[in-house]
């Protein structure tokens, strides 16, 4: 049982964490912190949080007083500033974690901002989301059966890592563990690149002179492919820049794939095109089958 949790960012990710803990009876009080007074007020009105934390040194000190866990669920570019504000008021019994989609940059920011207190920071990343934002988007089952990747530091005490893991398990999430570097390479391929592609496709069509006509006939395939382009542009700008190196590597590989497909199409090589399509279909089927088989969360943590 966590007596007090402080959450920076009370939208989809942070708000759903709060709702999930409350549903499980795993938290006593949730304090919300953030840039938008309107969002904080709405979160309290909806019951996502119990208390609105005040800004400034005094407000920060009061919010962190007696906190068991602090979750950073703000855009990753804000991580260092938030940790720097937290650092002077961070008590020995408080563990800090985050929900950022990149990890190497977050770890570097934590080392700069927290210095000698960095052992109290356990990096994390819940693999869950929707294309909606704000306190209204928060739901109490967002993390059920979903992976949460912890990229623990060498300095972290085992009991602090377990506190973070236990909080996510209370949300019915499944804990996985990677190094920060492994994490960023994996998610550049399977998350960050797909978002970039979805944004690029919609932007390309929106800028065509006959965009209205194209959108008029766009149907379920286009909707499914571009669903994630409805996500927060600010958040994905930050993620793209934070994981720039790994994302560029994946983008270059994808451009090479497109170049190959263009050559096959230009040559009228139907067999080669079908081979690519067939391989993709089989790989996707295997992936979906594996997901369905893993829907029931296992009792033990996973190491990828």
Protein backbone atom coordinates (compact mmCIF):
# COMPACT_ATOMS: atom_id res chain seq x y z
CA UNK A 1 0.00 0.00 0.00
CA UNK A 2 1.38 3.37 -1.04
CA UNK A 3 0.26 6.06 1.37
CA UNK A 4 1.06 8.96 -0.92
CA UNK A 5 1.85 9.14 -4.63
CA UNK A 6 2.82 12.33 -6.46
CA UNK A 7 2.21 12.47 -10.22
CA UNK A 8 3.67 15.07 -12.57
CA UNK A 9 1.34 15.09 -15.57
CA UNK A 10 -2.25 14.02 -14.92
CA UNK A 11 -3.29 13.16 -18.47
CA UNK A 12 -3.70 9.75 -20.07
CA UNK A 13 -0.60 8.05 -18.65
CA UNK A 14 -0.34 9.67 -15.23
CA UNK A 15 -4.09 9.86 -14.74
CA UNK A 16 -4.60 6.22 -15.68
CA UNK A 17 -1.86 5.23 -13.23
CA UNK A 18 -3.71 7.10 -10.50
CA UNK A 19 -7.08 5.61 -11.43
CA UNK A 20 -5.62 2.09 -11.58
CA UNK A 21 -3.97 2.38 -8.16
CA UNK A 22 -7.19 3.72 -6.68
CA UNK A 23 -9.25 0.94 -8.21
CA UNK A 24 -6.86 -1.61 -6.69
CA UNK A 25 -6.97 0.08 -3.29
CA UNK A 26 -3.20 0.42 -3.54
CA UNK A 27 -2.86 4.13 -2.74
CA UNK A 28 -4.05 6.41 0.02
CA UNK A 29 -3.69 9.85 -1.56
CA UNK A 30 -2.67 11.11 -5.00
CA UNK A 31 -1.15 14.56 -5.44
CA UNK A 32 -1.21 16.01 -8.95
CA UNK A 33 1.43 18.39 -10.27
CA UNK A 34 1.65 20.05 -13.67
CA UNK A 35 1.84 23.15 -15.83
CA UNK A 36 -1.87 23.53 -16.51
CA UNK A 37 -4.04 24.70 -13.64
CA UNK A 38 -7.12 23.84 -15.70
CA UNK A 39 -5.97 20.24 -16.24
CA UNK A 40 -5.18 19.82 -12.55
CA UNK A 41 -8.56 21.22 -11.55
CA UNK A 42 -10.30 18.92 -14.02
CA UNK A 43 -8.33 15.92 -12.74
CA UNK A 44 -9.43 16.63 -9.18
CA UNK A 45 -13.02 17.18 -10.32
CA UNK A 46 -12.97 13.78 -12.03
CA UNK A 47 -11.46 12.10 -8.98
CA UNK A 48 -8.22 11.25 -10.77
CA UNK A 49 -6.23 13.06 -8.07
CA UNK A 50 -7.06 14.04 -4.51
CA UNK A 51 -4.85 17.09 -4.04
CA UNK A 52 -3.44 19.73 -6.39
CA UNK A 53 0.20 20.42 -5.63
CA UNK A 54 1.28 24.04 -5.58
CA UNK A 55 4.13 25.40 -7.67
CA UNK A 56 7.29 26.92 -6.22
CA UNK A 57 9.72 25.62 -3.62
CA UNK A 58 7.23 25.59 -0.76
CA UNK A 59 4.60 23.84 -2.84
CA UNK A 60 7.11 21.27 -4.07
CA UNK A 61 8.36 20.58 -0.56
CA UNK A 62 4.81 20.10 0.71
CA UNK A 63 3.85 17.84 -2.19
CA UNK A 64 6.87 15.59 -1.69
CA UNK A 65 6.61 15.46 2.10
CA UNK A 66 6.01 11.83 3.05
CA UNK A 67 5.62 10.65 -0.55
CA UNK A 68 6.28 6.96 -1.16
CA UNK A 69 6.43 7.25 -4.93
CA UNK A 70 6.74 10.01 -7.52
CA UNK A 71 5.80 9.37 -11.15
CA UNK A 72 6.93 11.67 -13.95
CA UNK A 73 4.31 11.38 -16.71
CA UNK A 74 5.11 14.62 -18.50
CA UNK A 75 6.76 14.93 -21.96
CA UNK A 76 10.33 13.62 -21.84
CA UNK A 77 11.81 17.04 -22.64
CA UNK A 78 10.54 18.25 -19.26
CA UNK A 79 12.25 15.46 -17.30
CA UNK A 80 15.41 17.28 -16.29
CA UNK A 81 13.59 20.45 -15.24
CA UNK A 82 11.14 18.48 -13.10
CA UNK A 83 13.88 16.40 -11.48
CA UNK A 84 15.91 19.54 -10.78
CA UNK A 85 12.90 21.04 -9.01
CA UNK A 86 12.36 17.83 -7.06
CA UNK A 87 15.98 17.27 -6.03
CA UNK A 88 16.27 19.74 -3.10
CA UNK A 89 13.11 18.35 -1.51
CA UNK A 90 13.60 14.64 -2.22
CA UNK A 91 13.56 12.71 1.04
CA UNK A 92 15.44 9.42 1.56
CA UNK A 93 12.25 7.34 1.73
CA UNK A 94 10.85 8.52 -1.61
CA UNK A 95 11.34 6.64 -4.88
CA UNK A 96 11.01 8.49 -8.19
CA UNK A 97 10.15 6.83 -11.50
CA UNK A 98 9.01 7.97 -14.92
CA UNK A 99 6.85 6.88 -17.83
CA UNK A 100 8.96 8.29 -20.64
CA UNK A 101 9.16 6.55 -24.01
CA UNK A 102 12.93 7.02 -24.20
CA UNK A 103 15.37 5.97 -21.55
CA UNK A 104 19.02 6.84 -22.31
CA UNK A 105 18.29 10.57 -22.34
CA UNK A 106 16.11 10.28 -19.24
CA UNK A 107 18.87 8.48 -17.34
CA UNK A 108 21.39 11.14 -18.38
CA UNK A 109 18.99 13.88 -17.25
CA UNK A 110 18.45 12.13 -13.93
CA UNK A 111 22.18 11.88 -13.29
CA UNK A 112 22.61 15.59 -13.95
CA UNK A 113 19.58 16.73 -11.97
CA UNK A 114 19.65 14.36 -9.01
CA UNK A 115 23.42 13.85 -8.69
CA UNK A 116 23.97 12.04 -5.39
CA UNK A 117 20.28 11.15 -5.14
CA UNK A 118 20.12 9.37 -8.51
CA UNK A 119 19.88 6.00 -6.75
CA UNK A 120 16.31 6.97 -5.83
CA UNK A 121 15.33 7.18 -9.50
CA UNK A 122 14.09 3.98 -11.17
CA UNK A 123 13.45 4.56 -14.90
CA UNK A 124 10.35 2.97 -16.41
CA UNK A 125 8.15 2.91 -19.48
CA UNK A 126 4.57 1.59 -19.58
CA UNK A 127 3.79 0.18 -23.02
CA UNK A 128 0.23 1.36 -23.25
CA UNK A 129 -1.61 4.30 -24.68
CA UNK A 130 -4.49 5.73 -26.64
CA UNK A 131 -4.71 8.56 -29.15
CA UNK A 132 -6.52 10.77 -26.63
CA UNK A 133 -5.00 13.14 -24.10
CA UNK A 134 -5.83 15.00 -20.92
CA UNK A 135 -7.44 14.01 -17.61
CA UNK A 136 -10.64 12.95 -19.38
CA UNK A 137 -8.66 10.27 -21.23
CA UNK A 138 -7.53 8.56 -18.00
CA UNK A 139 -9.04 5.11 -17.45
CA UNK A 140 -8.58 2.53 -14.71
CA UNK A 141 -7.79 -0.44 -16.96
CA UNK A 142 -5.26 1.05 -19.38
CA UNK A 143 -2.42 -1.09 -18.05
CA UNK A 144 -4.21 -4.42 -17.63
CA UNK A 145 -2.03 -7.10 -19.21
CA UNK A 146 0.30 -4.45 -20.67
CA UNK A 147 4.07 -4.48 -20.41
CA UNK A 148 5.98 -2.02 -18.25
CA UNK A 149 9.71 -1.94 -18.98
CA UNK A 150 11.99 -1.04 -16.08
CA UNK A 151 15.53 0.01 -16.98
CA UNK A 152 16.98 -0.03 -13.48
CA UNK A 153 20.27 1.70 -12.69
CA UNK A 154 23.24 -0.02 -11.08
CA UNK A 155 22.79 2.37 -8.15
CA UNK A 156 19.16 1.39 -7.50
CA UNK A 157 18.42 -0.56 -4.33
CA UNK A 158 16.50 -3.76 -5.00
CA UNK A 159 13.70 -2.69 -2.67
CA UNK A 160 13.26 0.59 -4.57
CA UNK A 161 12.98 -1.22 -7.89
CA UNK A 162 10.48 -3.57 -6.29
CA UNK A 163 8.40 -0.65 -5.02
CA UNK A 164 8.02 0.64 -8.57
CA UNK A 165 7.35 -2.85 -9.93
CA UNK A 166 4.74 -3.52 -7.25
CA UNK A 167 2.92 -0.29 -8.08
CA UNK A 168 2.66 -1.30 -11.72
CA UNK A 169 1.60 -4.82 -10.78
CA UNK A 170 -1.22 -3.26 -8.77
CA UNK A 171 -2.34 -1.80 -12.12
CA UNK A 172 -2.30 -5.40 -13.48
CA UNK A 173 0.71 -4.66 -15.68
CA UNK A 174 3.48 -7.15 -16.47
CA UNK A 175 7.04 -6.15 -15.59
CA UNK A 176 9.86 -6.52 -18.12
CA UNK A 177 13.46 -5.43 -17.78
CA UNK A 178 15.90 -3.98 -20.33
CA UNK A 179 18.94 -1.75 -20.25
CA UNK A 180 18.29 1.87 -21.31
CA UNK A 181 20.24 1.32 -24.53
CA UNK A 182 18.36 -1.88 -25.42
CA UNK A 183 15.09 -0.14 -24.69
CA UNK A 184 15.77 2.76 -27.03
CA UNK A 185 16.84 0.54 -29.93
CA UNK A 186 13.79 -1.69 -29.58
CA UNK A 187 11.26 1.13 -29.36
CA UNK A 188 12.83 3.13 -32.16
CA UNK A 189 11.83 0.22 -34.41
CA UNK A 190 8.42 -0.78 -33.08
CA UNK A 191 7.02 2.49 -31.71
CA UNK A 192 8.89 5.64 -32.64
CA UNK A 193 9.27 4.85 -36.36
CA UNK A 194 5.58 3.86 -36.78
CA UNK A 195 4.52 7.15 -35.20
CA UNK A 196 6.82 9.11 -37.50
CA UNK A 197 5.41 7.27 -40.53
CA UNK A 198 1.80 7.82 -39.50
CA UNK A 199 2.36 11.54 -38.97
CA UNK A 200 4.22 11.80 -42.29
CA UNK A 201 1.49 10.08 -44.30
CA UNK A 202 -1.34 12.19 -42.90
CA UNK A 203 0.70 15.38 -43.29
CA UNK A 204 1.55 14.48 -46.89
CA UNK A 205 -2.09 13.93 -47.81
CA UNK A 206 -3.27 16.99 -45.88
CA UNK A 207 -0.89 19.18 -47.91
CA UNK A 208 -2.07 17.96 -51.31
CA UNK A 209 -4.31 20.36 -53.26
CA UNK A 210 -7.06 17.72 -53.44
CA UNK A 211 -6.76 16.67 -49.78
CA UNK A 212 -10.51 17.02 -49.18
CA UNK A 213 -11.24 14.52 -51.93
CA UNK A 214 -8.64 12.06 -50.62
CA UNK A 215 -9.89 12.22 -47.05
CA UNK A 216 -13.46 11.80 -48.29
CA UNK A 217 -12.61 8.33 -49.56
CA UNK A 218 -10.15 7.28 -46.85
CA UNK A 219 -11.67 4.31 -45.04
CA UNK A 220 -10.83 1.75 -42.37
CA UNK A 221 -7.38 0.84 -43.69
CA UNK A 222 -6.26 4.45 -43.64
CA UNK A 223 -7.86 4.98 -40.23
CA UNK A 224 -6.09 1.95 -38.75
CA UNK A 225 -2.71 2.84 -40.24
CA UNK A 226 -2.88 6.45 -39.08
CA UNK A 227 -4.60 6.05 -35.70
CA UNK A 228 -1.44 6.97 -33.80
CA UNK A 229 -1.15 10.25 -35.72
CA UNK A 230 -3.87 11.41 -33.34
CA UNK A 231 -1.37 11.30 -30.46
CA UNK A 232 0.16 14.39 -28.83
CA UNK A 233 2.46 16.20 -31.31
CA UNK A 234 4.43 17.77 -28.44
CA UNK A 235 5.09 14.41 -26.84
CA UNK A 236 6.17 12.77 -30.08
CA UNK A 237 8.36 15.70 -31.07
CA UNK A 238 10.22 15.22 -27.79
CA UNK A 239 10.44 11.44 -28.21
CA UNK A 240 11.73 11.72 -31.78
CA UNK A 241 14.49 14.13 -30.81
CA UNK A 242 15.36 12.28 -27.60
CA UNK A 243 15.88 9.01 -29.48
CA UNK A 244 17.30 10.66 -32.58
CA UNK A 245 20.23 8.31 -33.23
CA UNK A 246 18.31 5.04 -32.94
CA UNK A 247 15.34 6.49 -34.84
CA UNK A 248 17.54 7.66 -37.71
CA UNK A 249 19.03 4.16 -37.96
CA UNK A 250 15.56 2.63 -38.24
CA UNK A 251 14.39 5.33 -40.65
CA UNK A 252 17.37 4.70 -42.94
CA UNK A 253 16.60 0.96 -42.94
CA UNK A 254 12.96 1.68 -43.78
CA UNK A 255 13.94 4.05 -46.59
CA UNK A 256 16.08 1.25 -48.03
CA UNK A 257 13.06 -1.07 -47.84
CA UNK A 258 10.91 1.51 -49.66
CA UNK A 259 13.58 1.97 -52.32
CA UNK A 260 13.60 -1.77 -52.91
CA UNK A 261 9.82 -1.90 -53.12
CA UNK A 262 9.79 0.99 -55.57
CA UNK A 263 12.28 -0.80 -57.80
CA UNK A 264 10.18 -3.98 -57.79
CA UNK A 265 7.03 -2.00 -58.52
CA UNK A 266 8.70 -0.08 -61.36
CA UNK A 267 9.94 -3.35 -62.84
CA UNK A 268 6.49 -4.89 -62.61
CA UNK A 269 7.94 -7.71 -60.51
CA UNK A 270 4.75 -9.07 -58.99
CA UNK A 271 6.41 -12.17 -57.55
CA UNK A 272 8.92 -10.08 -55.60
CA UNK A 273 6.19 -7.78 -54.29
CA UNK A 274 4.08 -10.73 -53.22
CA UNK A 275 7.07 -12.24 -51.45
CA UNK A 276 7.49 -9.09 -49.34
CA UNK A 277 3.76 -8.88 -48.64
CA UNK A 278 3.58 -12.56 -47.75
CA UNK A 279 6.53 -12.39 -45.38
CA UNK A 280 4.97 -9.37 -43.67
CA UNK A 281 1.61 -11.12 -43.37
CA UNK A 282 3.17 -14.21 -41.78
CA UNK A 283 5.27 -12.17 -39.37
CA UNK A 284 2.27 -10.11 -38.31
CA UNK A 285 0.16 -13.24 -37.80
CA UNK A 286 2.85 -14.76 -35.58
CA UNK A 287 3.09 -11.53 -33.60
CA UNK A 288 -0.69 -11.33 -33.06
CA UNK A 289 -0.81 -14.99 -32.04
CA UNK A 290 1.95 -14.41 -29.48
CA UNK A 291 0.12 -11.39 -28.05
CA UNK A 292 -3.12 -13.33 -27.71
CA UNK A 293 -1.30 -16.19 -26.00
CA UNK A 294 0.20 -13.76 -23.49
CA UNK A 295 -3.04 -11.93 -22.63
CA UNK A 296 -3.20 -13.50 -19.18
CA UNK A 297 -0.39 -11.83 -17.19
CA UNK A 298 2.18 -14.37 -15.90
CA UNK A 299 2.94 -14.52 -12.20
CA UNK A 300 6.62 -13.75 -12.59
CA UNK A 301 8.43 -10.80 -14.11
CA UNK A 302 9.84 -11.18 -17.59
CA UNK A 303 13.33 -10.34 -18.81
CA UNK A 304 13.59 -9.51 -22.49
